[in-house]
Amino acid sequence: MDAAICRHWALARGAVLIARHGELAFFDCAGHADVEAKRPWQRDLIARIYSMTKPVTAVALMMLYEEARLHLDDPVEAYLPEFKNRQLLIPGATSLDQTVPIKTKITIHHLLTPTSGLSLFTNPGLLVEAYAKEKLGLALSYGGLDKMVRRIAELPLEWEPGTKWQ
C-alpha cells in the first residue's frame, strides 16, 4: 500500500498504521488535525474515533483467534453463559413472549458478521420498543455494560442465527 492510495480515499483527515508482530509495516497520514490552525495530522495525535466499536472489537477478537484463545465457531454462551437457551421471536409476534427455541447457537462468527439474530437498536418492532423503553442502547444509563448485556440476553432474537445479515 502506498501513500497515493491512502490519499485517494478522499478523507478530510486521517491516518493509516499497519503493524505485524509488533513491527511497523506502514504508516501515512493526511489532512489537518486542526484545519483553522493548519496543524497537520501526526502520528502521535490523540483523536476521537466514532462508530469504531465493531472494527476495533473485531481486531481484538481476531488477535485472540491468532493466539488460538478462541475459535470463530465457539458458541457465545461459552463466554457469556447468559446466552444459553435463547428464544426466537416468531414472525408477526405481538408480544415478546411469543417465541420458540433457536435451532442454532450464536457463535463468535455470527457476532463478527452481524448474523447473530440480535436486533439493532434502530430496527422497527417489538425488540426496539423494549430496547428504547429500558434504555438498552446506553450502557451507562442502564447501570453498566454487564447489566445491559444480561438484559439483552434475556430478550428473544429477531431471527435465527446465521440466516440473515444485518
Protein backbone atom coordinates (compact mmCIF):
# COMPACT_ATOMS: atom_id res chain seq x y z
CA MET A 1 0.00 0.00 0.00
CA ASP A 2 1.41 3.41 -0.82
CA ALA A 3 0.62 6.96 0.27
CA ALA A 4 -1.10 7.79 -3.02
CA ILE A 5 -3.71 5.09 -2.36
CA CYS A 6 -4.32 6.40 1.16
CA ARG A 7 -4.73 9.96 -0.08
CA HIS A 8 -7.10 8.77 -2.83
CA TRP A 9 -9.67 7.75 -0.20
CA ALA A 10 -10.77 11.41 -0.14
CA LEU A 11 -10.70 11.66 3.63
CA ALA A 12 -10.62 15.15 5.10
CA ARG A 13 -8.02 13.85 7.53
CA GLY A 14 -6.83 10.56 8.87
CA ALA A 15 -4.06 8.09 9.41
CA VAL A 16 -3.28 4.52 8.49
CA LEU A 17 -0.91 2.47 10.62
CA ILE A 18 -0.33 -1.20 9.93
CA ALA A 19 1.79 -3.30 12.27
CA ARG A 20 2.55 -7.00 12.27
CA HIS A 21 4.19 -8.92 15.11
CA GLY A 22 4.96 -5.64 16.86
CA GLU A 23 6.78 -4.14 13.89
CA LEU A 24 5.61 -1.11 11.94
CA ALA A 25 4.83 -2.17 8.36
CA PHE A 26 3.25 1.06 7.07
CA PHE A 27 2.26 4.50 8.29
CA ASP A 28 0.87 7.51 6.48
CA CYS A 29 -1.34 10.41 7.44
CA ALA A 30 -3.10 13.15 5.53
CA GLY A 31 -5.04 16.30 6.24
CA HIS A 32 -5.10 18.59 9.25
CA ALA A 33 -5.83 17.83 12.89
CA ASP A 34 -6.88 21.48 13.17
CA VAL A 35 -7.94 22.96 9.82
CA GLU A 36 -8.12 26.58 11.02
CA ALA A 37 -4.64 26.48 12.58
CA LYS A 38 -3.33 24.36 9.68
CA ARG A 39 -1.86 21.94 12.23
CA PRO A 40 -1.07 18.73 10.30
CA TRP A 41 -2.23 15.30 11.35
CA GLN A 42 0.70 13.50 13.01
CA ARG A 43 1.43 10.01 14.22
CA ASP A 44 1.24 10.88 17.93
CA LEU A 45 -2.08 12.74 17.63
CA ILE A 46 -4.80 11.61 20.02
CA ALA A 47 -8.13 11.78 18.20
CA ARG A 48 -11.65 10.70 18.94
CA ILE A 49 -12.94 8.00 16.64
CA TYR A 50 -16.64 7.49 16.02
CA SER A 51 -18.52 4.33 15.07
CA MET A 52 -15.43 2.20 15.50
CA THR A 53 -16.62 -0.20 18.20
CA LYS A 54 -17.27 -3.05 15.79
CA PRO A 55 -13.98 -2.88 13.85
CA VAL A 56 -11.87 -2.38 16.98
CA THR A 57 -13.65 -5.29 18.71
CA ALA A 58 -13.25 -7.43 15.58
CA VAL A 59 -9.49 -6.77 15.53
CA ALA A 60 -9.25 -7.72 19.22
CA LEU A 61 -11.18 -10.94 18.57
CA MET A 62 -9.01 -11.80 15.59
CA MET A 63 -5.90 -11.28 17.74
CA LEU A 64 -7.34 -13.80 20.23
CA TYR A 65 -8.09 -16.12 17.29
CA GLU A 66 -4.46 -15.84 16.08
CA GLU A 67 -3.33 -16.83 19.57
CA ALA A 68 -5.72 -19.84 19.45
CA ARG A 69 -7.56 -18.50 22.52
CA LEU A 70 -10.92 -18.77 20.79
CA HIS A 71 -12.41 -20.23 17.62
CA LEU A 72 -14.86 -18.45 15.37
CA ASP A 73 -17.29 -21.35 15.71
CA ASP A 74 -17.26 -21.16 19.51
CA PRO A 75 -20.75 -20.55 20.91
CA VAL A 76 -21.08 -17.16 22.59
CA GLU A 77 -22.60 -18.92 25.61
CA ALA A 78 -19.17 -20.43 26.34
CA TYR A 79 -18.01 -16.92 27.24
CA LEU A 80 -21.32 -15.35 28.25
CA PRO A 81 -23.49 -18.04 29.89
CA GLU A 82 -26.46 -15.65 29.79
CA PHE A 83 -26.77 -16.51 26.10
CA LYS A 84 -27.75 -20.15 26.76
CA ASN A 85 -31.27 -21.28 25.85
CA ARG A 86 -32.02 -18.33 23.58
CA GLN A 87 -35.51 -17.84 22.21
CA LEU A 88 -36.56 -16.59 18.78
CA LEU A 89 -39.40 -14.13 18.30
CA ILE A 90 -41.99 -15.73 16.00
CA PRO A 91 -42.88 -13.87 12.78
CA GLY A 92 -45.74 -11.46 13.34
CA ALA A 93 -45.41 -11.62 17.13
CA THR A 94 -47.37 -9.01 19.05
CA SER A 95 -45.61 -9.58 22.38
CA LEU A 96 -42.11 -10.55 23.49
CA ASP A 97 -43.30 -13.84 24.96
CA GLN A 98 -44.33 -15.23 21.56
CA THR A 99 -41.17 -17.24 20.95
CA VAL A 100 -39.72 -20.60 20.01
CA PRO A 101 -36.28 -22.02 20.93
CA ILE A 102 -33.48 -21.22 18.48
CA LYS A 103 -32.10 -24.09 16.41
CA THR A 104 -28.57 -22.69 16.05
CA LYS A 105 -26.45 -21.31 18.88
CA ILE A 106 -24.99 -17.85 18.38
CA THR A 107 -21.26 -18.10 17.56
CA ILE A 108 -18.38 -15.62 17.58
CA HIS A 109 -18.58 -15.75 13.77
CA HIS A 110 -22.24 -14.67 13.90
CA LEU A 111 -21.30 -11.66 16.04
CA LEU A 112 -18.49 -10.64 13.70
CA THR A 113 -20.63 -10.90 10.56
CA PRO A 114 -23.83 -9.37 12.06
CA THR A 115 -25.82 -12.58 11.56
CA SER A 116 -26.46 -13.34 15.25
CA GLY A 117 -30.16 -12.50 15.36
CA LEU A 118 -29.58 -9.71 17.85
CA SER A 119 -31.62 -6.74 16.70
CA LEU A 120 -30.11 -3.36 16.03
CA PHE A 121 -31.38 -0.53 18.17
CA THR A 122 -32.70 1.19 15.04
CA ASN A 123 -34.95 -1.57 13.65
CA PRO A 124 -38.69 -1.09 13.92
CA GLY A 125 -40.62 -3.60 16.00
CA LEU A 126 -41.09 -5.15 19.42
CA LEU A 127 -37.43 -5.56 20.30
CA VAL A 128 -36.53 -1.96 19.55
CA GLU A 129 -39.52 -0.82 21.58
CA ALA A 130 -38.21 -2.90 24.50
CA TYR A 131 -34.67 -1.54 23.99
CA ALA A 132 -35.98 2.04 23.98
CA LYS A 133 -38.32 1.55 26.94
CA GLU A 134 -35.47 0.11 29.03
CA LYS A 135 -32.77 2.45 27.61
CA LEU A 136 -30.74 -0.56 26.50
CA GLY A 137 -28.78 1.43 23.92
CA LEU A 138 -26.78 3.27 26.56
CA ALA A 139 -24.83 1.03 28.92
CA LEU A 140 -24.06 3.78 31.41
CA SER A 141 -27.67 4.85 31.77
CA TYR A 142 -28.70 1.20 32.16
CA GLY A 143 -26.33 0.58 35.05
CA GLY A 144 -23.29 -0.76 33.22
CA LEU A 145 -22.37 -2.95 30.28
CA ASP A 146 -22.64 -6.24 32.18
CA LYS A 147 -26.18 -5.48 33.33
CA MET A 148 -27.17 -4.33 29.84
CA VAL A 149 -25.76 -7.48 28.18
CA ARG A 150 -27.58 -9.72 30.69
CA ARG A 151 -30.88 -7.99 29.87
CA ILE A 152 -30.33 -8.20 26.11
CA ALA A 153 -29.57 -11.93 26.55
CA GLU A 154 -32.99 -12.36 28.20
CA LEU A 155 -34.82 -10.88 25.21
CA PRO A 156 -35.63 -13.02 22.17
CA LEU A 157 -33.65 -12.91 18.93
CA GLU A 158 -35.13 -11.27 15.88
CA TRP A 159 -34.08 -14.08 13.51
CA GLU A 160 -32.42 -17.48 13.62
CA PRO A 161 -28.62 -17.07 13.91
CA GLY A 162 -26.82 -17.38 10.59
CA THR A 163 -29.94 -16.92 8.42
CA LYS A 164 -29.94 -13.17 7.91
CA TRP A 165 -27.36 -10.38 7.74
CA GLN A 166 -27.91 -7.01 9.33
